[in-house]
Amino acid sequence: MNVKIADLMAKRVLTAQPHHSLDHVRAMMERNRIHAVPIVGPQHEALGIVTTADAARKVKGESPVKRIMSNHVYCVPAYNDVSAAARIMRKHKIHHVVVTHEKAVVGIISSFDLLKLVEGHRFTMKAAPAQTKKRSRR
């Protein structure tokens, strides 16, 4: 399987800036039925990420998202194999990885995107290996 992240990622990624209010980001997530919003800087570089878990925290809605965003955002280049994103998600126990091209955010890939890939291949279970009888040595 040689699928690139650019082939599978959500290309229409909605972003916010650190000064945007938590209410603004919550509304964006609800309206668009998304679970993560990358927080970007002036050159559209990833500064952080807000997920539904972050947005659910009991923080005043008018607070800027920079107060609750995860500052450590995992990014992967668009030209990498999807296995790179899967490895990051599994290793760090996260569900979203920001996709970049020359440091600018160009997409996002989620664990659900990876599940679509698996579903499309319709894996079949291989038969278990048969047990062999030990031969006695004479």
N, C-alpha and C. Protein backbone atom coordinates (compact mmCIF):
# COMPACT_ATOMS: atom_id res chain seq x y z
N MET A 1 0.86 -1.16 0.00
CA MET A 1 0.00 0.00 0.00
C MET A 1 0.91 1.23 0.00
N ASN A 2 0.73 2.08 -0.98
CA ASN A 2 1.57 3.26 -1.12
C ASN A 2 0.70 4.51 -1.25
N VAL A 3 -0.17 4.72 -0.26
CA VAL A 3 -1.08 5.86 -0.27
C VAL A 3 -0.41 7.01 0.46
N LYS A 4 -0.44 8.17 -0.15
CA LYS A 4 0.15 9.37 0.44
C LYS A 4 -0.89 10.10 1.30
N ILE A 5 -0.41 10.82 2.26
CA ILE A 5 -1.29 11.58 3.15
C ILE A 5 -2.14 12.56 2.36
N ALA A 6 -1.57 13.18 1.34
CA ALA A 6 -2.31 14.15 0.51
C ALA A 6 -3.52 13.51 -0.16
N ASP A 7 -3.47 12.19 -0.41
CA ASP A 7 -4.59 11.49 -1.04
C ASP A 7 -5.74 11.26 -0.07
N LEU A 8 -5.46 11.25 1.22
CA LEU A 8 -6.45 10.84 2.21
C LEU A 8 -6.91 11.97 3.13
N MET A 9 -6.11 13.00 3.28
CA MET A 9 -6.39 14.06 4.25
C MET A 9 -7.60 14.90 3.87
N ALA A 10 -8.14 15.58 4.87
CA ALA A 10 -9.18 16.57 4.62
C ALA A 10 -8.47 17.83 4.14
N LYS A 11 -8.73 18.21 2.90
CA LYS A 11 -8.03 19.35 2.31
C LYS A 11 -8.65 20.68 2.72
N ARG A 12 -9.90 20.66 3.07
CA ARG A 12 -10.59 21.88 3.51
C ARG A 12 -10.49 21.94 5.03
N VAL A 13 -9.38 22.39 5.50
CA VAL A 13 -9.15 22.45 6.95
C VAL A 13 -9.51 23.83 7.46
N LEU A 14 -10.31 23.85 8.51
CA LEU A 14 -10.68 25.11 9.14
C LEU A 14 -9.68 25.40 10.24
N THR A 15 -9.19 26.61 10.30
CA THR A 15 -8.19 26.98 11.30
C THR A 15 -8.69 28.18 12.10
N ALA A 16 -8.00 28.43 13.20
CA ALA A 16 -8.29 29.61 14.03
C ALA A 16 -6.95 30.22 14.42
N GLN A 17 -7.02 31.41 14.98
CA GLN A 17 -5.82 32.08 15.46
C GLN A 17 -5.86 32.14 16.98
N PRO A 18 -4.70 32.28 17.62
CA PRO A 18 -4.64 32.21 19.08
C PRO A 18 -5.56 33.19 19.81
N HIS A 19 -5.85 34.35 19.20
CA HIS A 19 -6.69 35.34 19.86
C HIS A 19 -8.19 35.07 19.71
N HIS A 20 -8.58 34.14 18.82
CA HIS A 20 -10.00 33.83 18.66
C HIS A 20 -10.57 33.29 19.97
N SER A 21 -11.83 33.56 20.21
CA SER A 21 -12.45 33.12 21.47
C SER A 21 -12.77 31.62 21.41
N LEU A 22 -12.83 31.04 22.58
CA LEU A 22 -13.21 29.63 22.69
C LEU A 22 -14.62 29.43 22.14
N ASP A 23 -15.53 30.37 22.39
CA ASP A 23 -16.88 30.28 21.84
C ASP A 23 -16.86 30.22 20.32
N HIS A 24 -16.01 31.02 19.70
CA HIS A 24 -15.89 31.04 18.23
C HIS A 24 -15.44 29.66 17.72
N VAL A 25 -14.45 29.08 18.36
CA VAL A 25 -13.93 27.79 17.93
C VAL A 25 -14.94 26.68 18.21
N ARG A 26 -15.60 26.72 19.35
CA ARG A 26 -16.65 25.72 19.65
C ARG A 26 -17.75 25.76 18.60
N ALA A 27 -18.20 26.97 18.25
CA ALA A 27 -19.26 27.12 17.24
C ALA A 27 -18.80 26.59 15.89
N MET A 28 -17.56 26.87 15.53
CA MET A 28 -17.01 26.39 14.26
C MET A 28 -17.00 24.85 14.23
N MET A 29 -16.60 24.25 15.34
CA MET A 29 -16.54 22.79 15.41
C MET A 29 -17.95 22.18 15.32
N GLU A 30 -18.88 22.77 16.04
CA GLU A 30 -20.25 22.25 16.04
C GLU A 30 -20.90 22.43 14.67
N ARG A 31 -20.78 23.60 14.10
CA ARG A 31 -21.40 23.92 12.81
C ARG A 31 -20.88 23.03 11.69
N ASN A 32 -19.59 22.71 11.72
CA ASN A 32 -18.97 21.93 10.65
C ASN A 32 -18.77 20.46 11.00
N ARG A 33 -19.22 20.08 12.19
CA ARG A 33 -19.10 18.69 12.66
C ARG A 33 -17.66 18.18 12.56
N ILE A 34 -16.76 18.95 13.14
CA ILE A 34 -15.35 18.56 13.16
C ILE A 34 -14.91 18.42 14.61
N HIS A 35 -13.82 17.72 14.82
CA HIS A 35 -13.36 17.42 16.17
C HIS A 35 -12.01 18.04 16.52
N ALA A 36 -11.42 18.75 15.58
CA ALA A 36 -10.13 19.40 15.85
C ALA A 36 -9.95 20.61 14.94
N VAL A 37 -9.35 21.65 15.50
CA VAL A 37 -9.08 22.88 14.76
C VAL A 37 -7.62 23.27 15.01
N PRO A 38 -6.80 23.27 13.96
CA PRO A 38 -5.43 23.76 14.13
C PRO A 38 -5.43 25.26 14.41
N ILE A 39 -4.55 25.67 15.30
CA ILE A 39 -4.38 27.09 15.60
C ILE A 39 -3.12 27.54 14.86
N VAL A 40 -3.26 28.56 14.03
CA VAL A 40 -2.17 28.96 13.13
C VAL A 40 -1.68 30.37 13.42
N GLY A 41 -0.44 30.61 12.98
CA GLY A 41 0.18 31.93 13.10
C GLY A 41 0.06 32.72 11.81
N PRO A 42 0.79 33.83 11.70
CA PRO A 42 0.70 34.73 10.55
C PRO A 42 1.06 34.09 9.20
N GLN A 43 1.99 33.15 9.19
CA GLN A 43 2.38 32.47 7.95
C GLN A 43 1.62 31.16 7.77
N HIS A 44 0.52 31.01 8.49
CA HIS A 44 -0.33 29.81 8.44
C HIS A 44 0.41 28.58 8.98
N GLU A 45 1.41 28.81 9.83
CA GLU A 45 2.15 27.72 10.47
C GLU A 45 1.37 27.24 11.71
N ALA A 46 1.49 25.97 12.01
CA ALA A 46 0.78 25.38 13.15
C ALA A 46 1.41 25.82 14.46
N LEU A 47 0.61 26.42 15.33
CA LEU A 47 1.06 26.82 16.65
C LEU A 47 0.51 25.91 17.73
N GLY A 48 -0.63 25.28 17.43
CA GLY A 48 -1.29 24.41 18.40
C GLY A 48 -2.50 23.78 17.77
N ILE A 49 -3.29 23.11 18.60
CA ILE A 49 -4.52 22.47 18.12
C ILE A 49 -5.53 22.46 19.26
N VAL A 50 -6.79 22.63 18.91
CA VAL A 50 -7.89 22.53 19.88
C VAL A 50 -8.76 21.37 19.43
N THR A 51 -9.00 20.43 20.32
CA THR A 51 -9.86 19.29 20.03
C THR A 51 -11.16 19.43 20.82
N THR A 52 -12.10 18.56 20.56
CA THR A 52 -13.36 18.60 21.30
C THR A 52 -13.11 18.38 22.79
N ALA A 53 -12.11 17.58 23.14
CA ALA A 53 -11.78 17.37 24.56
C ALA A 53 -11.31 18.68 25.19
N ASP A 54 -10.50 19.45 24.46
CA ASP A 54 -10.05 20.76 24.97
C ASP A 54 -11.23 21.72 25.09
N ALA A 55 -12.08 21.74 24.08
CA ALA A 55 -13.21 22.66 24.04
C ALA A 55 -14.24 22.35 25.13
N ALA A 56 -14.26 21.12 25.62
CA ALA A 56 -15.23 20.72 26.64
C ALA A 56 -14.81 21.18 28.04
N ARG A 57 -13.57 21.63 28.17
CA ARG A 57 -13.09 22.08 29.48
C ARG A 57 -13.90 23.27 29.97
N LYS A 58 -14.02 23.37 31.27
CA LYS A 58 -14.81 24.45 31.86
C LYS A 58 -13.97 25.73 31.91
N VAL A 59 -14.00 26.42 30.79
CA VAL A 59 -13.29 27.69 30.64
C VAL A 59 -14.29 28.68 30.06
N LYS A 60 -14.19 29.93 30.47
CA LYS A 60 -15.11 30.95 29.95
C LYS A 60 -15.02 31.01 28.44
N GLY A 61 -16.17 31.10 27.78
CA GLY A 61 -16.25 31.10 26.33
C GLY A 61 -15.56 32.25 25.65
N GLU A 62 -15.45 33.38 26.33
CA GLU A 62 -14.78 34.54 25.72
C GLU A 62 -13.26 34.47 25.86
N SER A 63 -12.76 33.46 26.56
CA SER A 63 -11.31 33.28 26.71
C SER A 63 -10.68 32.99 25.36
N PRO A 64 -9.46 33.48 25.12
CA PRO A 64 -8.78 33.17 23.86
C PRO A 64 -8.37 31.69 23.84
N VAL A 65 -8.41 31.09 22.66
CA VAL A 65 -8.09 29.65 22.55
C VAL A 65 -6.65 29.35 22.93
N LYS A 66 -5.77 30.35 22.91
CA LYS A 66 -4.38 30.08 23.29
C LYS A 66 -4.29 29.61 24.74
N ARG A 67 -5.33 29.88 25.56
CA ARG A 67 -5.33 29.42 26.95
C ARG A 67 -5.58 27.93 27.08
N ILE A 68 -6.27 27.33 26.12
CA ILE A 68 -6.61 25.91 26.25
C ILE A 68 -6.02 25.03 25.15
N MET A 69 -5.46 25.62 24.11
CA MET A 69 -4.95 24.80 23.01
C MET A 69 -3.78 23.94 23.47
N SER A 70 -3.61 22.81 22.80
CA SER A 70 -2.43 21.99 23.01
C SER A 70 -1.30 22.65 22.24
N ASN A 71 -0.25 23.04 22.95
CA ASN A 71 0.87 23.72 22.29
C ASN A 71 1.73 22.76 21.48
N HIS A 72 1.71 21.50 21.86
CA HIS A 72 2.51 20.53 21.13
C HIS A 72 1.61 19.87 20.08
N VAL A 73 1.72 20.36 18.87
CA VAL A 73 0.89 19.83 17.77
C VAL A 73 1.78 18.95 16.90
N TYR A 74 1.27 17.78 16.56
CA TYR A 74 2.02 16.85 15.71
C TYR A 74 1.68 17.14 14.26
N CYS A 75 2.72 17.30 13.45
CA CYS A 75 2.55 17.61 12.03
C CYS A 75 3.25 16.56 11.19
N VAL A 76 2.77 16.39 9.97
CA VAL A 76 3.36 15.46 9.03
C VAL A 76 3.26 16.08 7.64
N PRO A 77 4.31 15.95 6.82
CA PRO A 77 4.25 16.50 5.46
C PRO A 77 3.24 15.76 4.59
N ALA A 78 2.61 16.48 3.69
CA ALA A 78 1.57 15.92 2.83
C ALA A 78 2.07 14.79 1.93
N TYR A 79 3.38 14.80 1.58
CA TYR A 79 3.91 13.80 0.66
C TYR A 79 4.31 12.49 1.34
N ASN A 80 4.22 12.41 2.67
CA ASN A 80 4.55 11.16 3.38
C ASN A 80 3.50 10.08 3.15
N ASP A 81 3.90 8.84 3.39
CA ASP A 81 2.93 7.73 3.37
C ASP A 81 2.00 7.86 4.57
N VAL A 82 0.78 7.34 4.43
CA VAL A 82 -0.17 7.41 5.53
C VAL A 82 0.33 6.65 6.75
N SER A 83 1.23 5.72 6.55
CA SER A 83 1.75 4.98 7.70
C SER A 83 2.47 5.91 8.68
N ALA A 84 3.03 7.02 8.20
CA ALA A 84 3.69 7.98 9.09
C ALA A 84 2.67 8.62 10.04
N ALA A 85 1.52 8.99 9.51
CA ALA A 85 0.46 9.57 10.36
C ALA A 85 -0.07 8.54 11.34
N ALA A 86 -0.26 7.31 10.87
CA ALA A 86 -0.75 6.24 11.74
C ALA A 86 0.23 5.98 12.88
N ARG A 87 1.50 5.98 12.57
CA ARG A 87 2.53 5.75 13.59
C ARG A 87 2.50 6.86 14.65
N ILE A 88 2.37 8.12 14.22
CA ILE A 88 2.30 9.25 15.16
C ILE A 88 1.08 9.12 16.06
N MET A 89 -0.07 8.82 15.45
CA MET A 89 -1.32 8.69 16.23
C MET A 89 -1.21 7.58 17.27
N ARG A 90 -0.69 6.45 16.86
CA ARG A 90 -0.58 5.31 17.77
C ARG A 90 0.42 5.60 18.89
N LYS A 91 1.56 6.13 18.53
CA LYS A 91 2.62 6.39 19.51
C LYS A 91 2.20 7.41 20.56
N HIS A 92 1.50 8.45 20.14
CA HIS A 92 1.14 9.54 21.04
C HIS A 92 -0.31 9.50 21.51
N LYS A 93 -1.03 8.45 21.08
CA LYS A 93 -2.44 8.25 21.49
C LYS A 93 -3.30 9.48 21.18
N ILE A 94 -3.23 9.91 19.92
CA ILE A 94 -4.01 11.06 19.46
C ILE A 94 -4.83 10.64 18.24
N HIS A 95 -5.80 11.46 17.87
CA HIS A 95 -6.68 11.12 16.76
C HIS A 95 -6.56 12.05 15.56
N HIS A 96 -5.77 13.12 15.67
CA HIS A 96 -5.62 14.07 14.57
C HIS A 96 -4.17 14.47 14.42
N VAL A 97 -3.72 14.55 13.18
CA VAL A 97 -2.38 15.03 12.87
C VAL A 97 -2.54 16.13 11.82
N VAL A 98 -1.90 17.24 12.04
CA VAL A 98 -1.95 18.37 11.11
C VAL A 98 -1.01 18.07 9.94
N VAL A 99 -1.48 18.36 8.73
CA VAL A 99 -0.70 18.11 7.52
C VAL A 99 -0.14 19.44 7.03
N THR A 100 1.15 19.44 6.71
CA THR A 100 1.82 20.67 6.30
C THR A 100 2.51 20.51 4.95
N HIS A 101 2.75 21.65 4.34
CA HIS A 101 3.59 21.73 3.15
C HIS A 101 4.45 22.97 3.35
N GLU A 102 5.76 22.78 3.43
CA GLU A 102 6.70 23.86 3.72
C GLU A 102 6.26 24.67 4.93
N LYS A 103 5.93 23.98 6.00
CA LYS A 103 5.55 24.50 7.32
C LYS A 103 4.16 25.11 7.39
N ALA A 104 3.47 25.29 6.27
CA ALA A 104 2.12 25.86 6.27
C ALA A 104 1.09 24.73 6.37
N VAL A 105 0.04 24.97 7.14
CA VAL A 105 -1.04 23.98 7.30
C VAL A 105 -1.83 23.88 6.00
N VAL A 106 -1.93 22.66 5.47
CA VAL A 106 -2.67 22.43 4.23
C VAL A 106 -3.78 21.39 4.39
N GLY A 107 -3.85 20.75 5.55
CA GLY A 107 -4.87 19.74 5.76
C GLY A 107 -4.78 19.16 7.15
N ILE A 108 -5.63 18.17 7.38
CA ILE A 108 -5.63 17.45 8.64
C ILE A 108 -6.04 16.01 8.33
N ILE A 109 -5.44 15.08 9.04
CA ILE A 109 -5.80 13.67 8.85
C ILE A 109 -6.18 13.11 10.22
N SER A 110 -7.26 12.34 10.23
CA SER A 110 -7.77 11.79 11.48
C SER A 110 -7.71 10.28 11.46
N SER A 111 -7.92 9.71 12.62
CA SER A 111 -7.97 8.25 12.71
C SER A 111 -9.14 7.71 11.88
N PHE A 112 -10.21 8.48 11.74
CA PHE A 112 -11.33 8.05 10.91
C PHE A 112 -10.95 7.98 9.43
N ASP A 113 -10.08 8.89 8.99
CA ASP A 113 -9.59 8.84 7.61
C ASP A 113 -8.81 7.54 7.38
N LEU A 114 -8.00 7.16 8.36
CA LEU A 114 -7.23 5.91 8.24
C LEU A 114 -8.16 4.70 8.26
N LEU A 115 -9.24 4.76 9.02
CA LEU A 115 -10.19 3.66 9.04
C LEU A 115 -10.89 3.50 7.68
N LYS A 116 -11.14 4.60 6.99
CA LYS A 116 -11.73 4.53 5.64
C LYS A 116 -10.81 3.76 4.70
N LEU A 117 -9.51 3.99 4.86
CA LEU A 117 -8.53 3.30 4.03
C LEU A 117 -8.56 1.79 4.30
N VAL A 118 -8.60 1.42 5.55
CA VAL A 118 -8.67 0.01 5.92
C VAL A 118 -9.96 -0.61 5.41
N GLU A 119 -11.06 0.10 5.60
CA GLU A 119 -12.36 -0.40 5.15
C GLU A 119 -12.38 -0.62 3.64
N GLY A 120 -11.74 0.26 2.90
CA GLY A 120 -11.70 0.15 1.45
C GLY A 120 -10.94 -1.06 0.95
N HIS A 121 -10.00 -1.56 1.76
CA HIS A 121 -9.22 -2.72 1.34
C HIS A 121 -9.89 -4.05 1.69
N ARG A 122 -10.92 -4.00 2.51
CA ARG A 122 -11.68 -5.21 2.85
C ARG A 122 -10.76 -6.38 3.21
N PHE A 123 -10.02 -6.18 4.28
CA PHE A 123 -9.10 -7.22 4.71
C PHE A 123 -9.84 -8.50 5.06
N THR A 124 -9.23 -9.62 4.75
CA THR A 124 -9.79 -10.91 5.12
C THR A 124 -8.83 -11.60 6.08
N MET A 125 -9.39 -12.31 7.02
CA MET A 125 -8.59 -12.99 8.02
C MET A 125 -7.96 -14.22 7.40
N LYS A 126 -6.70 -14.38 7.63
CA LYS A 126 -6.00 -15.57 7.14
C LYS A 126 -6.29 -16.73 8.08
N ALA A 127 -6.28 -17.91 7.52
CA ALA A 127 -6.49 -19.11 8.34
C ALA A 127 -5.31 -19.27 9.29
N ALA A 128 -5.61 -19.73 10.48
CA ALA A 128 -4.55 -19.96 11.47
C ALA A 128 -3.66 -21.11 11.00
N PRO A 129 -2.39 -21.06 11.33
CA PRO A 129 -1.51 -22.15 10.92
C PRO A 129 -1.94 -23.46 11.58
N ALA A 130 -1.85 -24.51 10.80
CA ALA A 130 -2.23 -25.83 11.32
C ALA A 130 -1.15 -26.32 12.27
N GLN A 131 -1.59 -27.02 13.30
CA GLN A 131 -0.62 -27.58 14.23
C GLN A 131 0.02 -28.80 13.60
N THR A 132 1.29 -28.93 13.83
CA THR A 132 1.99 -30.10 13.30
C THR A 132 2.31 -31.04 14.44
N LYS A 133 2.31 -32.30 14.12
CA LYS A 133 2.65 -33.32 15.13
C LYS A 133 4.16 -33.44 15.18
N LYS A 134 4.66 -33.54 16.38
CA LYS A 134 6.10 -33.72 16.52
C LYS A 134 6.47 -35.13 16.14
N ARG A 135 7.52 -35.23 15.38
CA ARG A 135 8.03 -36.56 15.01
C ARG A 135 9.02 -37.00 16.07
N SER A 136 8.94 -38.21 16.39
CA SER A 136 9.91 -38.71 17.36
C SER A 136 11.17 -39.12 16.63
N ARG A 137 12.29 -38.84 17.23
CA ARG A 137 13.57 -39.17 16.63
C ARG A 137 13.93 -40.61 17.03
N ARG A 138 14.41 -41.32 16.11
CA ARG A 138 14.84 -42.69 16.43
C ARG A 138 16.26 -42.88 16.23
